Amino acid sequence: MEIKPIKTEQNYDQALARLETIFHAEVDTAEGDEAEVLSILIEKYEDEHYPIGMPDPIEAIKFRMEQMNMKQKDLAEIVGFTSRVSEILNKKRKLTLSMIRKLNTTLHIPTEVLIQDY
């Protein structure tokens, strides 16, 4: 087992290929340990070279509503009137601090996502 830092795209591809080969290795074996270390190195490389930005606040609300099988009227109970919900979901009205707090508490959407400009 020769594990080195992943510094290039070629190193990254090789690490992915090796991880694919040993992915189902038993825990507490040499290959299992190698898979664990490789996955950490791959994750670090991906975080540095392929960062994933935060989602759009309104898309995050819509996604969470879909996950929770919520309708606009259900969201109206959280943020106010149904017409206000429609304006928010169509990006015609900005979220207020009070709405952000309620959405964070009720839908468990991180405030970092909700406070972004859109």
PDB file of N, CA and C in Angstrom:
ATOM      1  N   MET A   1       0.847  -1.173   0.000  1.00  0.00           N
ATOM      2  CA  MET A   1       0.000   0.000   0.000  1.00  0.00           C
ATOM      3  C   MET A   1       0.896   1.240   0.000  1.00  0.00           C
ATOM      4  N   GLU A   2       0.920   1.919  -1.119  1.00  0.00           N
ATOM      5  CA  GLU A   2       1.686   3.158  -1.228  1.00  0.00           C
ATOM      6  C   GLU A   2       0.707   4.305  -1.464  1.00  0.00           C
ATOM      7  N   ILE A   3       0.439   5.050  -0.411  1.00  0.00           N
ATOM      8  CA  ILE A   3      -0.507   6.160  -0.508  1.00  0.00           C
ATOM      9  C   ILE A   3       0.263   7.463  -0.434  1.00  0.00           C
ATOM     10  N   LYS A   4      -0.024   8.347  -1.400  1.00  0.00           N
ATOM     11  CA  LYS A   4       0.626   9.646  -1.462  1.00  0.00           C
ATOM     12  C   LYS A   4      -0.454  10.714  -1.589  1.00  0.00           C
ATOM     13  N   PRO A   5      -0.114  11.959  -1.267  1.00  0.00           N
ATOM     14  CA  PRO A   5      -1.089  13.040  -1.457  1.00  0.00           C
ATOM     15  C   PRO A   5      -1.522  13.124  -2.920  1.00  0.00           C
ATOM     16  N   ILE A   6      -2.741  13.539  -3.143  1.00  0.00           N
ATOM     17  CA  ILE A   6      -3.268  13.710  -4.495  1.00  0.00           C
ATOM     18  C   ILE A   6      -2.995  15.150  -4.901  1.00  0.00           C
ATOM     19  N   LYS A   7      -2.109  15.323  -5.880  1.00  0.00           N
ATOM     20  CA  LYS A   7      -1.705  16.663  -6.292  1.00  0.00           C
ATOM     21  C   LYS A   7      -2.096  17.014  -7.713  1.00  0.00           C
ATOM     22  N   THR A   8      -2.343  16.005  -8.535  1.00  0.00           N
ATOM     23  CA  THR A   8      -2.668  16.254  -9.938  1.00  0.00           C
ATOM     24  C   THR A   8      -3.950  15.512 -10.311  1.00  0.00           C
ATOM     25  N   GLU A   9      -4.472  15.875 -11.455  1.00  0.00           N
ATOM     26  CA  GLU A   9      -5.656  15.186 -11.977  1.00  0.00           C
ATOM     27  C   GLU A   9      -5.354  13.713 -12.246  1.00  0.00           C
ATOM     28  N   GLN A  10      -4.131  13.444 -12.682  1.00  0.00           N
ATOM     29  CA  GLN A  10      -3.726  12.060 -12.932  1.00  0.00           C
ATOM     30  C   GLN A  10      -3.697  11.269 -11.614  1.00  0.00           C
ATOM     31  N   ASN A  11      -3.142  11.873 -10.544  1.00  0.00           N
ATOM     32  CA  ASN A  11      -3.154  11.229  -9.227  1.00  0.00           C
ATOM     33  C   ASN A  11      -4.586  10.958  -8.775  1.00  0.00           C
ATOM     34  N   TYR A  12      -5.448  11.931  -9.025  1.00  0.00           N
ATOM     35  CA  TYR A  12      -6.861  11.818  -8.641  1.00  0.00           C
ATOM     36  C   TYR A  12      -7.523  10.654  -9.367  1.00  0.00           C
ATOM     37  N   ASP A  13      -7.305  10.562 -10.677  1.00  0.00           N
ATOM     38  CA  ASP A  13      -7.884   9.467 -11.468  1.00  0.00           C
ATOM     39  C   ASP A  13      -7.374   8.107 -10.988  1.00  0.00           C
ATOM     40  N   GLN A  14      -6.074   8.039 -10.677  1.00  0.00           N
ATOM     41  CA  GLN A  14      -5.507   6.791 -10.183  1.00  0.00           C
ATOM     42  C   GLN A  14      -6.105   6.406  -8.830  1.00  0.00           C
ATOM     43  N   ALA A  15      -6.290   7.391  -7.958  1.00  0.00           N
ATOM     44  CA  ALA A  15      -6.866   7.129  -6.641  1.00  0.00           C
ATOM     45  C   ALA A  15      -8.303   6.639  -6.777  1.00  0.00           C
ATOM     46  N   LEU A  16      -9.070   7.258  -7.680  1.00  0.00           N
ATOM     47  CA  LEU A  16     -10.452   6.819  -7.909  1.00  0.00           C
ATOM     48  C   LEU A  16     -10.496   5.387  -8.427  1.00  0.00           C
ATOM     49  N   ALA A  17      -9.622   5.083  -9.354  1.00  0.00           N
ATOM     50  CA  ALA A  17      -9.584   3.732  -9.917  1.00  0.00           C
ATOM     51  C   ALA A  17      -9.237   2.704  -8.839  1.00  0.00           C
ATOM     52  N   ARG A  18      -8.266   3.031  -8.012  1.00  0.00           N
ATOM     53  CA  ARG A  18      -7.872   2.099  -6.940  1.00  0.00           C
ATOM     54  C   ARG A  18      -8.991   1.944  -5.927  1.00  0.00           C
ATOM     55  N   LEU A  19      -9.634   3.056  -5.564  1.00  0.00           N
ATOM     56  CA  LEU A  19     -10.733   2.989  -4.598  1.00  0.00           C
ATOM     57  C   LEU A  19     -11.877   2.134  -5.135  1.00  0.00           C
ATOM     58  N   GLU A  20     -12.143   2.256  -6.422  1.00  0.00           N
ATOM     59  CA  GLU A  20     -13.199   1.442  -7.031  1.00  0.00           C
ATOM     60  C   GLU A  20     -12.874  -0.047  -6.914  1.00  0.00           C
ATOM     61  N   THR A  21     -11.611  -0.371  -7.038  1.00  0.00           N
ATOM     62  CA  THR A  21     -11.170  -1.766  -6.951  1.00  0.00           C
ATOM     63  C   THR A  21     -11.326  -2.329  -5.539  1.00  0.00           C
ATOM     64  N   ILE A  22     -11.008  -1.520  -4.536  1.00  0.00           N
ATOM     65  CA  ILE A  22     -10.993  -2.024  -3.152  1.00  0.00           C
ATOM     66  C   ILE A  22     -12.163  -1.506  -2.310  1.00  0.00           C
ATOM     67  N   PHE A  23     -13.153  -0.921  -2.959  1.00  0.00           N
ATOM     68  CA  PHE A  23     -14.256  -0.262  -2.252  1.00  0.00           C
ATOM     69  C   PHE A  23     -14.962  -1.183  -1.251  1.00  0.00           C
ATOM     70  N   HIS A  24     -15.153  -2.417  -1.578  1.00  0.00           N
ATOM     71  CA  HIS A  24     -15.891  -3.342  -0.719  1.00  0.00           C
ATOM     72  C   HIS A  24     -14.977  -4.183   0.180  1.00  0.00           C
ATOM     73  N   ALA A  25     -13.782  -3.695   0.416  1.00  0.00           N
ATOM     74  CA  ALA A  25     -12.840  -4.424   1.273  1.00  0.00           C
ATOM     75  C   ALA A  25     -13.371  -4.477   2.702  1.00  0.00           C
ATOM     76  N   GLU A  26     -13.029  -5.536   3.397  1.00  0.00           N
ATOM     77  CA  GLU A  26     -13.439  -5.704   4.795  1.00  0.00           C
ATOM     78  C   GLU A  26     -12.785  -4.630   5.670  1.00  0.00           C
ATOM     79  N   VAL A  27     -13.531  -4.175   6.678  1.00  0.00           N
ATOM     80  CA  VAL A  27     -13.010  -3.216   7.641  1.00  0.00           C
ATOM     81  C   VAL A  27     -11.897  -3.878   8.447  1.00  0.00           C
ATOM     82  N   ASP A  28     -10.937  -3.081   8.863  1.00  0.00           N
ATOM     83  CA  ASP A  28      -9.797  -3.554   9.666  1.00  0.00           C
ATOM     84  C   ASP A  28      -8.910  -4.564   8.928  1.00  0.00           C
ATOM     85  N   THR A  29      -8.842  -4.409   7.618  1.00  0.00           N
ATOM     86  CA  THR A  29      -7.878  -5.170   6.820  1.00  0.00           C
ATOM     87  C   THR A  29      -6.978  -4.143   6.139  1.00  0.00           C
ATOM     88  N   ALA A  30      -5.906  -4.588   5.549  1.00  0.00           N
ATOM     89  CA  ALA A  30      -4.995  -3.668   4.862  1.00  0.00           C
ATOM     90  C   ALA A  30      -5.729  -2.912   3.754  1.00  0.00           C
ATOM     91  N   GLU A  31      -6.525  -3.630   2.962  1.00  0.00           N
ATOM     92  CA  GLU A  31      -7.273  -2.970   1.885  1.00  0.00           C
ATOM     93  C   GLU A  31      -8.378  -2.077   2.440  1.00  0.00           C
ATOM     94  N   GLY A  32      -8.994  -2.479   3.532  1.00  0.00           N
ATOM     95  CA  GLY A  32     -10.019  -1.648   4.159  1.00  0.00           C
ATOM     96  C   GLY A  32      -9.437  -0.338   4.658  1.00  0.00           C
ATOM     97  N   ASP A  33      -8.256  -0.417   5.275  1.00  0.00           N
ATOM     98  CA  ASP A  33      -7.573   0.792   5.737  1.00  0.00           C
ATOM     99  C   ASP A  33      -7.168   1.672   4.558  1.00  0.00           C
ATOM    100  N   GLU A  34      -6.687   1.041   3.497  1.00  0.00           N
ATOM    101  CA  GLU A  34      -6.295   1.785   2.298  1.00  0.00           C
ATOM    102  C   GLU A  34      -7.509   2.505   1.701  1.00  0.00           C
ATOM    103  N   ALA A  35      -8.640   1.834   1.643  1.00  0.00           N
ATOM    104  CA  ALA A  35      -9.861   2.446   1.110  1.00  0.00           C
ATOM    105  C   ALA A  35     -10.272   3.650   1.947  1.00  0.00           C
ATOM    106  N   GLU A  36     -10.167   3.529   3.243  1.00  0.00           N
ATOM    107  CA  GLU A  36     -10.544   4.630   4.131  1.00  0.00           C
ATOM    108  C   GLU A  36      -9.636   5.845   3.912  1.00  0.00           C
ATOM    109  N   VAL A  37      -8.333   5.622   3.850  1.00  0.00           N
ATOM    110  CA  VAL A  37      -7.384   6.717   3.648  1.00  0.00           C
ATOM    111  C   VAL A  37      -7.564   7.337   2.260  1.00  0.00           C
ATOM    112  N   LEU A  38      -7.739   6.500   1.240  1.00  0.00           N
ATOM    113  CA  LEU A  38      -7.957   7.018  -0.117  1.00  0.00           C
ATOM    114  C   LEU A  38      -9.213   7.874  -0.193  1.00  0.00           C
ATOM    115  N   SER A  39     -10.274   7.449   0.464  1.00  0.00           N
ATOM    116  CA  SER A  39     -11.513   8.220   0.407  1.00  0.00           C
ATOM    117  C   SER A  39     -11.332   9.589   1.053  1.00  0.00           C
ATOM    118  N   ILE A  40     -10.544   9.675   2.107  1.00  0.00           N
ATOM    119  CA  ILE A  40     -10.263  10.960   2.751  1.00  0.00           C
ATOM    120  C   ILE A  40      -9.447  11.861   1.817  1.00  0.00           C
ATOM    121  N   LEU A  41      -8.422  11.290   1.192  1.00  0.00           N
ATOM    122  CA  LEU A  41      -7.603  12.065   0.258  1.00  0.00           C
ATOM    123  C   LEU A  41      -8.402  12.536  -0.957  1.00  0.00           C
ATOM    124  N   ILE A  42      -9.266  11.664  -1.467  1.00  0.00           N
ATOM    125  CA  ILE A  42     -10.101  12.025  -2.618  1.00  0.00           C
ATOM    126  C   ILE A  42     -11.061  13.143  -2.236  1.00  0.00           C
ATOM    127  N   GLU A  43     -11.671  13.025  -1.084  1.00  0.00           N
ATOM    128  CA  GLU A  43     -12.608  14.064  -0.630  1.00  0.00           C
ATOM    129  C   GLU A  43     -11.901  15.416  -0.499  1.00  0.00           C
ATOM    130  N   LYS A  44     -10.714  15.420   0.071  1.00  0.00           N
ATOM    131  CA  LYS A  44      -9.941  16.653   0.224  1.00  0.00           C
ATOM    132  C   LYS A  44      -9.636  17.261  -1.147  1.00  0.00           C
ATOM    133  N   TYR A  45      -9.194  16.446  -2.092  1.00  0.00           N
ATOM    134  CA  TYR A  45      -8.889  16.932  -3.431  1.00  0.00           C
ATOM    135  C   TYR A  45     -10.143  17.516  -4.096  1.00  0.00           C
ATOM    136  N   GLU A  46     -11.262  16.815  -3.976  1.00  0.00           N
ATOM    137  CA  GLU A  46     -12.503  17.289  -4.589  1.00  0.00           C
ATOM    138  C   GLU A  46     -12.980  18.588  -3.954  1.00  0.00           C
ATOM    139  N   ASP A  47     -12.862  18.710  -2.640  1.00  0.00           N
ATOM    140  CA  ASP A  47     -13.262  19.945  -1.968  1.00  0.00           C
ATOM    141  C   ASP A  47     -12.443  21.132  -2.457  1.00  0.00           C
ATOM    142  N   GLU A  48     -11.156  20.905  -2.722  1.00  0.00           N
ATOM    143  CA  GLU A  48     -10.276  21.981  -3.174  1.00  0.00           C
ATOM    144  C   GLU A  48     -10.444  22.307  -4.654  1.00  0.00           C
ATOM    145  N   HIS A  49     -10.682  21.286  -5.482  1.00  0.00           N
ATOM    146  CA  HIS A  49     -10.698  21.495  -6.935  1.00  0.00           C
ATOM    147  C   HIS A  49     -12.092  21.517  -7.567  1.00  0.00           C
ATOM    148  N   TYR A  50     -13.069  20.978  -6.887  1.00  0.00           N
ATOM    149  CA  TYR A  50     -14.431  20.937  -7.418  1.00  0.00           C
ATOM    150  C   TYR A  50     -15.433  21.382  -6.341  1.00  0.00           C
ATOM    151  N   PRO A  51     -15.275  22.610  -5.839  1.00  0.00           N
ATOM    152  CA  PRO A  51     -16.173  23.044  -4.763  1.00  0.00           C
ATOM    153  C   PRO A  51     -17.619  23.154  -5.262  1.00  0.00           C
ATOM    154  N   ILE A  52     -18.521  22.836  -4.374  1.00  0.00           N
ATOM    155  CA  ILE A  52     -19.951  22.930  -4.684  1.00  0.00           C
ATOM    156  C   ILE A  52     -20.516  24.113  -3.915  1.00  0.00           C
ATOM    157  N   GLY A  53     -21.043  25.075  -4.643  1.00  0.00           N
ATOM    158  CA  GLY A  53     -21.602  26.264  -4.019  1.00  0.00           C
ATOM    159  C   GLY A  53     -22.924  25.967  -3.332  1.00  0.00           C
ATOM    160  N   MET A  54     -23.358  26.938  -2.557  1.00  0.00           N
ATOM    161  CA  MET A  54     -24.639  26.780  -1.863  1.00  0.00           C
ATOM    162  C   MET A  54     -25.791  26.944  -2.850  1.00  0.00           C
ATOM    163  N   PRO A  55     -26.901  26.285  -2.582  1.00  0.00           N
ATOM    164  CA  PRO A  55     -28.045  26.397  -3.490  1.00  0.00           C
ATOM    165  C   PRO A  55     -28.714  27.758  -3.371  1.00  0.00           C
ATOM    166  N   ASP A  56     -29.454  28.099  -4.393  1.00  0.00           N
ATOM    167  CA  ASP A  56     -30.279  29.296  -4.386  1.00  0.00           C
ATOM    168  C   ASP A  56     -31.297  29.170  -3.250  1.00  0.00           C
ATOM    169  N   PRO A  57     -31.539  30.235  -2.470  1.00  0.00           N
ATOM    170  CA  PRO A  57     -32.462  30.143  -1.339  1.00  0.00           C
ATOM    171  C   PRO A  57     -33.867  29.673  -1.724  1.00  0.00           C
ATOM    172  N   ILE A  58     -34.381  30.200  -2.806  1.00  0.00           N
ATOM    173  CA  ILE A  58     -35.749  29.841  -3.205  1.00  0.00           C
ATOM    174  C   ILE A  58     -35.799  28.397  -3.693  1.00  0.00           C
ATOM    175  N   GLU A  59     -34.777  27.972  -4.431  1.00  0.00           N
ATOM    176  CA  GLU A  59     -34.728  26.583  -4.873  1.00  0.00           C
ATOM    177  C   GLU A  59     -34.597  25.643  -3.676  1.00  0.00           C
ATOM    178  N   ALA A  60     -33.875  26.065  -2.647  1.00  0.00           N
ATOM    179  CA  ALA A  60     -33.746  25.261  -1.433  1.00  0.00           C
ATOM    180  C   ALA A  60     -35.102  25.116  -0.743  1.00  0.00           C
ATOM    181  N   ILE A  61     -35.866  26.192  -0.708  1.00  0.00           N
ATOM    182  CA  ILE A  61     -37.211  26.146  -0.102  1.00  0.00           C
ATOM    183  C   ILE A  61     -38.100  25.201  -0.913  1.00  0.00           C
ATOM    184  N   LYS A  62     -38.088  25.343  -2.230  1.00  0.00           N
ATOM    185  CA  LYS A  62     -38.906  24.484  -3.085  1.00  0.00           C
ATOM    186  C   LYS A  62     -38.524  23.011  -2.928  1.00  0.00           C
ATOM    187  N   PHE A  63     -37.225  22.751  -2.876  1.00  0.00           N
ATOM    188  CA  PHE A  63     -36.740  21.380  -2.721  1.00  0.00           C
ATOM    189  C   PHE A  63     -37.208  20.799  -1.395  1.00  0.00           C
ATOM    190  N   ARG A  64     -37.079  21.590  -0.332  1.00  0.00           N
ATOM    191  CA  ARG A  64     -37.486  21.110   0.992  1.00  0.00           C
ATOM    192  C   ARG A  64     -39.001  20.901   1.041  1.00  0.00           C
ATOM    193  N   MET A  65     -39.749  21.792   0.412  1.00  0.00           N
ATOM    194  CA  MET A  65     -41.202  21.622   0.356  1.00  0.00           C
ATOM    195  C   MET A  65     -41.558  20.313  -0.341  1.00  0.00           C
ATOM    196  N   GLU A  66     -40.867  20.030  -1.426  1.00  0.00           N
ATOM    197  CA  GLU A  66     -41.111  18.795  -2.166  1.00  0.00           C
ATOM    198  C   GLU A  66     -40.791  17.579  -1.295  1.00  0.00           C
ATOM    199  N   GLN A  67     -39.667  17.641  -0.580  1.00  0.00           N
ATOM    200  CA  GLN A  67     -39.285  16.535   0.302  1.00  0.00           C
ATOM    201  C   GLN A  67     -40.336  16.288   1.382  1.00  0.00           C
ATOM    202  N   MET A  68     -40.946  17.367   1.863  1.00  0.00           N
ATOM    203  CA  MET A  68     -41.909  17.271   2.963  1.00  0.00           C
ATOM    204  C   MET A  68     -43.357  17.193   2.476  1.00  0.00           C
ATOM    205  N   ASN A  69     -43.524  17.067   1.143  1.00  0.00           N
ATOM    206  CA  ASN A  69     -44.862  17.030   0.542  1.00  0.00           C
ATOM    207  C   ASN A  69     -45.723  18.224   0.969  1.00  0.00           C
ATOM    208  N   MET A  70     -45.111  19.393   0.950  1.00  0.00           N
ATOM    209  CA  MET A  70     -45.816  20.619   1.338  1.00  0.00           C
ATOM    210  C   MET A  70     -46.381  21.321   0.112  1.00  0.00           C
ATOM    211  N   LYS A  71     -47.468  21.992   0.308  1.00  0.00           N
ATOM    212  CA  LYS A  71     -48.082  22.839  -0.710  1.00  0.00           C
ATOM    213  C   LYS A  71     -47.819  24.294  -0.332  1.00  0.00           C
ATOM    214  N   GLN A  72     -48.156  25.212  -1.240  1.00  0.00           N
ATOM    215  CA  GLN A  72     -47.960  26.631  -0.953  1.00  0.00           C
ATOM    216  C   GLN A  72     -48.755  27.064   0.270  1.00  0.00           C
ATOM    217  N   LYS A  73     -49.941  26.492   0.450  1.00  0.00           N
ATOM    218  CA  LYS A  73     -50.752  26.878   1.615  1.00  0.00           C
ATOM    219  C   LYS A  73     -50.081  26.456   2.919  1.00  0.00           C
ATOM    220  N   ASP A  74     -49.324  25.345   2.881  1.00  0.00           N
ATOM    221  CA  ASP A  74     -48.582  24.915   4.071  1.00  0.00           C
ATOM    222  C   ASP A  74     -47.465  25.903   4.383  1.00  0.00           C
ATOM    223  N   LEU A  75     -46.811  26.398   3.339  1.00  0.00           N
ATOM    224  CA  LEU A  75     -45.757  27.378   3.529  1.00  0.00           C
ATOM    225  C   LEU A  75     -46.329  28.708   4.011  1.00  0.00           C
ATOM    226  N   ALA A  76     -47.559  29.005   3.590  1.00  0.00           N
ATOM    227  CA  ALA A  76     -48.214  30.240   4.029  1.00  0.00           C
ATOM    228  C   ALA A  76     -48.384  30.261   5.543  1.00  0.00           C
ATOM    229  N   GLU A  77     -48.566  29.105   6.151  1.00  0.00           N
ATOM    230  CA  GLU A  77     -48.694  29.040   7.605  1.00  0.00           C
ATOM    231  C   GLU A  77     -47.381  29.422   8.287  1.00  0.00           C
ATOM    232  N   ILE A  78     -46.283  29.300   7.578  1.00  0.00           N
ATOM    233  CA  ILE A  78     -44.971  29.626   8.145  1.00  0.00           C
ATOM    234  C   ILE A  78     -44.615  31.095   7.891  1.00  0.00           C
ATOM    235  N   VAL A  79     -44.793  31.561   6.655  1.00  0.00           N
ATOM    236  CA  VAL A  79     -44.329  32.901   6.293  1.00  0.00           C
ATOM    237  C   VAL A  79     -45.431  33.946   6.163  1.00  0.00           C
ATOM    238  N   GLY A  80     -46.661  33.546   6.196  1.00  0.00           N
ATOM    239  CA  GLY A  80     -47.734  34.533   6.080  1.00  0.00           C
ATOM    240  C   GLY A  80     -48.730  34.166   5.001  1.00  0.00           C
ATOM    241  N   PHE A  81     -49.259  35.166   4.360  1.00  0.00           N
ATOM    242  CA  PHE A  81     -50.328  34.994   3.381  1.00  0.00           C
ATOM    243  C   PHE A  81     -49.915  34.159   2.172  1.00  0.00           C
ATOM    244  N   THR A  82     -50.907  33.493   1.557  1.00  0.00           N
ATOM    245  CA  THR A  82     -50.660  32.685   0.368  1.00  0.00           C
ATOM    246  C   THR A  82     -50.105  33.531  -0.767  1.00  0.00           C
ATOM    247  N   SER A  83     -50.615  34.748  -0.923  1.00  0.00           N
ATOM    248  CA  SER A  83     -50.114  35.629  -1.987  1.00  0.00           C
ATOM    249  C   SER A  83     -48.641  35.969  -1.749  1.00  0.00           C
ATOM    250  N   ARG A  84     -48.251  36.098  -0.487  1.00  0.00           N
ATOM    251  CA  ARG A  84     -46.854  36.379  -0.162  1.00  0.00           C
ATOM    252  C   ARG A  84     -45.976  35.187  -0.534  1.00  0.00           C
ATOM    253  N   VAL A  85     -46.478  34.000  -0.289  1.00  0.00           N
ATOM    254  CA  VAL A  85     -45.727  32.787  -0.638  1.00  0.00           C
ATOM    255  C   VAL A  85     -45.498  32.738  -2.140  1.00  0.00           C
ATOM    256  N   SER A  86     -46.521  33.032  -2.896  1.00  0.00           N
ATOM    257  CA  SER A  86     -46.408  33.034  -4.353  1.00  0.00           C
ATOM    258  C   SER A  86     -45.366  34.049  -4.810  1.00  0.00           C
ATOM    259  N   GLU A  87     -45.375  35.231  -4.220  1.00  0.00           N
ATOM    260  CA  GLU A  87     -44.395  36.261  -4.575  1.00  0.00           C
ATOM    261  C   GLU A  87     -42.971  35.811  -4.231  1.00  0.00           C
ATOM    262  N   ILE A  88     -42.820  35.171  -3.082  1.00  0.00           N
ATOM    263  CA  ILE A  88     -41.496  34.693  -2.664  1.00  0.00           C
ATOM    264  C   ILE A  88     -41.003  33.605  -3.612  1.00  0.00           C
ATOM    265  N   LEU A  89     -41.847  32.623  -3.896  1.00  0.00           N
ATOM    266  CA  LEU A  89     -41.439  31.506  -4.748  1.00  0.00           C
ATOM    267  C   LEU A  89     -41.169  31.936  -6.189  1.00  0.00           C
ATOM    268  N   ASN A  90     -41.755  33.062  -6.599  1.00  0.00           N
ATOM    269  CA  ASN A  90     -41.509  33.607  -7.936  1.00  0.00           C
ATOM    270  C   ASN A  90     -40.433  34.693  -7.918  1.00  0.00           C
ATOM    271  N   LYS A  91     -39.777  34.842  -6.779  1.00  0.00           N
ATOM    272  CA  LYS A  91     -38.673  35.788  -6.580  1.00  0.00           C
ATOM    273  C   LYS A  91     -39.079  37.238  -6.811  1.00  0.00           C
ATOM    274  N   LYS A  92     -40.317  37.546  -6.479  1.00  0.00           N
ATOM    275  CA  LYS A  92     -40.788  38.928  -6.590  1.00  0.00           C
ATOM    276  C   LYS A  92     -40.771  39.619  -5.229  1.00  0.00           C
ATOM    277  N   ARG A  93     -40.604  38.864  -4.170  1.00  0.00           N
ATOM    278  CA  ARG A  93     -40.524  39.403  -2.817  1.00  0.00           C
ATOM    279  C   ARG A  93     -39.341  38.753  -2.124  1.00  0.00           C
ATOM    280  N   LYS A  94     -38.565  39.553  -1.414  1.00  0.00           N
ATOM    281  CA  LYS A  94     -37.399  39.044  -0.681  1.00  0.00           C
ATOM    282  C   LYS A  94     -37.846  38.450   0.650  1.00  0.00           C
ATOM    283  N   LEU A  95     -37.060  37.526   1.137  1.00  0.00           N
ATOM    284  CA  LEU A  95     -37.307  36.954   2.453  1.00  0.00           C
ATOM    285  C   LEU A  95     -36.924  37.976   3.524  1.00  0.00           C
ATOM    286  N   THR A  96     -37.740  38.076   4.547  1.00  0.00           N
ATOM    287  CA  THR A  96     -37.407  38.952   5.666  1.00  0.00           C
ATOM    288  C   THR A  96     -36.644  38.145   6.708  1.00  0.00           C
ATOM    289  N   LEU A  97     -36.059  38.831   7.663  1.00  0.00           N
ATOM    290  CA  LEU A  97     -35.331  38.153   8.724  1.00  0.00           C
ATOM    291  C   LEU A  97     -36.252  37.227   9.506  1.00  0.00           C
ATOM    292  N   SER A  98     -37.455  37.673   9.754  1.00  0.00           N
ATOM    293  CA  SER A  98     -38.431  36.855  10.467  1.00  0.00           C
ATOM    294  C   SER A  98     -38.762  35.584   9.680  1.00  0.00           C
ATOM    295  N   MET A  99     -38.950  35.723   8.378  1.00  0.00           N
ATOM    296  CA  MET A  99     -39.234  34.563   7.527  1.00  0.00           C
ATOM    297  C   MET A  99     -38.059  33.590   7.536  1.00  0.00           C
ATOM    298  N   ILE A 100     -36.850  34.131   7.438  1.00  0.00           N
ATOM    299  CA  ILE A 100     -35.656  33.295   7.426  1.00  0.00           C
ATOM    300  C   ILE A 100     -35.575  32.477   8.703  1.00  0.00           C
ATOM    301  N   ARG A 101     -35.836  33.134   9.829  1.00  0.00           N
ATOM    302  CA  ARG A 101     -35.800  32.417  11.110  1.00  0.00           C
ATOM    303  C   ARG A 101     -36.845  31.307  11.155  1.00  0.00           C
ATOM    304  N   LYS A 102     -38.056  31.607  10.687  1.00  0.00           N
ATOM    305  CA  LYS A 102     -39.132  30.604  10.704  1.00  0.00           C
ATOM    306  C   LYS A 102     -38.823  29.448   9.758  1.00  0.00           C
ATOM    307  N   LEU A 103     -38.296  29.760   8.579  1.00  0.00           N
ATOM    308  CA  LEU A 103     -37.956  28.709   7.614  1.00  0.00           C
ATOM    309  C   LEU A 103     -36.818  27.839   8.144  1.00  0.00           C
ATOM    310  N   ASN A 104     -35.857  28.457   8.802  1.00  0.00           N
ATOM    311  CA  ASN A 104     -34.754  27.705   9.393  1.00  0.00           C
ATOM    312  C   ASN A 104     -35.272  26.755  10.465  1.00  0.00           C
ATOM    313  N   THR A 105     -36.133  27.253  11.319  1.00  0.00           N
ATOM    314  CA  THR A 105     -36.659  26.444  12.421  1.00  0.00           C
ATOM    315  C   THR A 105     -37.604  25.353  11.937  1.00  0.00           C
ATOM    316  N   THR A 106     -38.473  25.709  11.012  1.00  0.00           N
ATOM    317  CA  THR A 106     -39.513  24.785  10.574  1.00  0.00           C
ATOM    318  C   THR A 106     -39.039  23.801   9.508  1.00  0.00           C
ATOM    319  N   LEU A 107     -38.350  24.308   8.498  1.00  0.00           N
ATOM    320  CA  LEU A 107     -37.922  23.461   7.379  1.00  0.00           C
ATOM    321  C   LEU A 107     -36.484  22.973   7.521  1.00  0.00           C
ATOM    322  N   HIS A 108     -35.783  23.489   8.515  1.00  0.00           N
ATOM    323  CA  HIS A 108     -34.393  23.096   8.783  1.00  0.00           C
ATOM    324  C   HIS A 108     -33.468  23.390   7.602  1.00  0.00           C
ATOM    325  N   ILE A 109     -33.702  24.526   6.968  1.00  0.00           N
ATOM    326  CA  ILE A 109     -32.813  24.997   5.906  1.00  0.00           C
ATOM    327  C   ILE A 109     -31.790  25.903   6.584  1.00  0.00           C
ATOM    328  N   PRO A 110     -30.510  25.680   6.370  1.00  0.00           N
ATOM    329  CA  PRO A 110     -29.493  26.505   7.033  1.00  0.00           C
ATOM    330  C   PRO A 110     -29.661  27.991   6.718  1.00  0.00           C
ATOM    331  N   THR A 111     -29.456  28.817   7.724  1.00  0.00           N
ATOM    332  CA  THR A 111     -29.586  30.264   7.522  1.00  0.00           C
ATOM    333  C   THR A 111     -28.584  30.771   6.488  1.00  0.00           C
ATOM    334  N   GLU A 112     -27.406  30.127   6.386  1.00  0.00           N
ATOM    335  CA  GLU A 112     -26.407  30.553   5.396  1.00  0.00           C
ATOM    336  C   GLU A 112     -26.968  30.469   3.988  1.00  0.00           C
ATOM    337  N   VAL A 113     -27.851  29.519   3.761  1.00  0.00           N
ATOM    338  CA  VAL A 113     -28.476  29.375   2.439  1.00  0.00           C
ATOM    339  C   VAL A 113     -29.550  30.434   2.263  1.00  0.00           C
ATOM    340  N   LEU A 114     -30.376  30.633   3.278  1.00  0.00           N
ATOM    341  CA  LEU A 114     -31.523  31.534   3.167  1.00  0.00           C
ATOM    342  C   LEU A 114     -31.145  33.008   3.070  1.00  0.00           C
ATOM    343  N   ILE A 115     -30.001  33.403   3.629  1.00  0.00           N
ATOM    344  CA  ILE A 115     -29.652  34.831   3.625  1.00  0.00           C
ATOM    345  C   ILE A 115     -28.966  35.292   2.346  1.00  0.00           C
ATOM    346  N   GLN A 116     -28.669  34.378   1.452  1.00  0.00           N
ATOM    347  CA  GLN A 116     -28.005  34.752   0.204  1.00  0.00           C
ATOM    348  C   GLN A 116     -28.888  35.626  -0.672  1.00  0.00           C
ATOM    349  N   ASP A 117     -28.233  36.465  -1.482  1.00  0.00           N
ATOM    350  CA  ASP A 117     -28.970  37.229  -2.482  1.00  0.00           C
ATOM    351  C   ASP A 117     -29.478  36.298  -3.564  1.00  0.00           C
ATOM    352  N   TYR A 118     -30.571  36.681  -4.152  1.00  0.00           N
ATOM    353  CA  TYR A 118     -31.103  35.918  -5.296  1.00  0.00           C
ATOM    354  C   TYR A 118     -31.819  36.859  -6.223  1.00  0.00           C
TER     355      TYR A 118
END
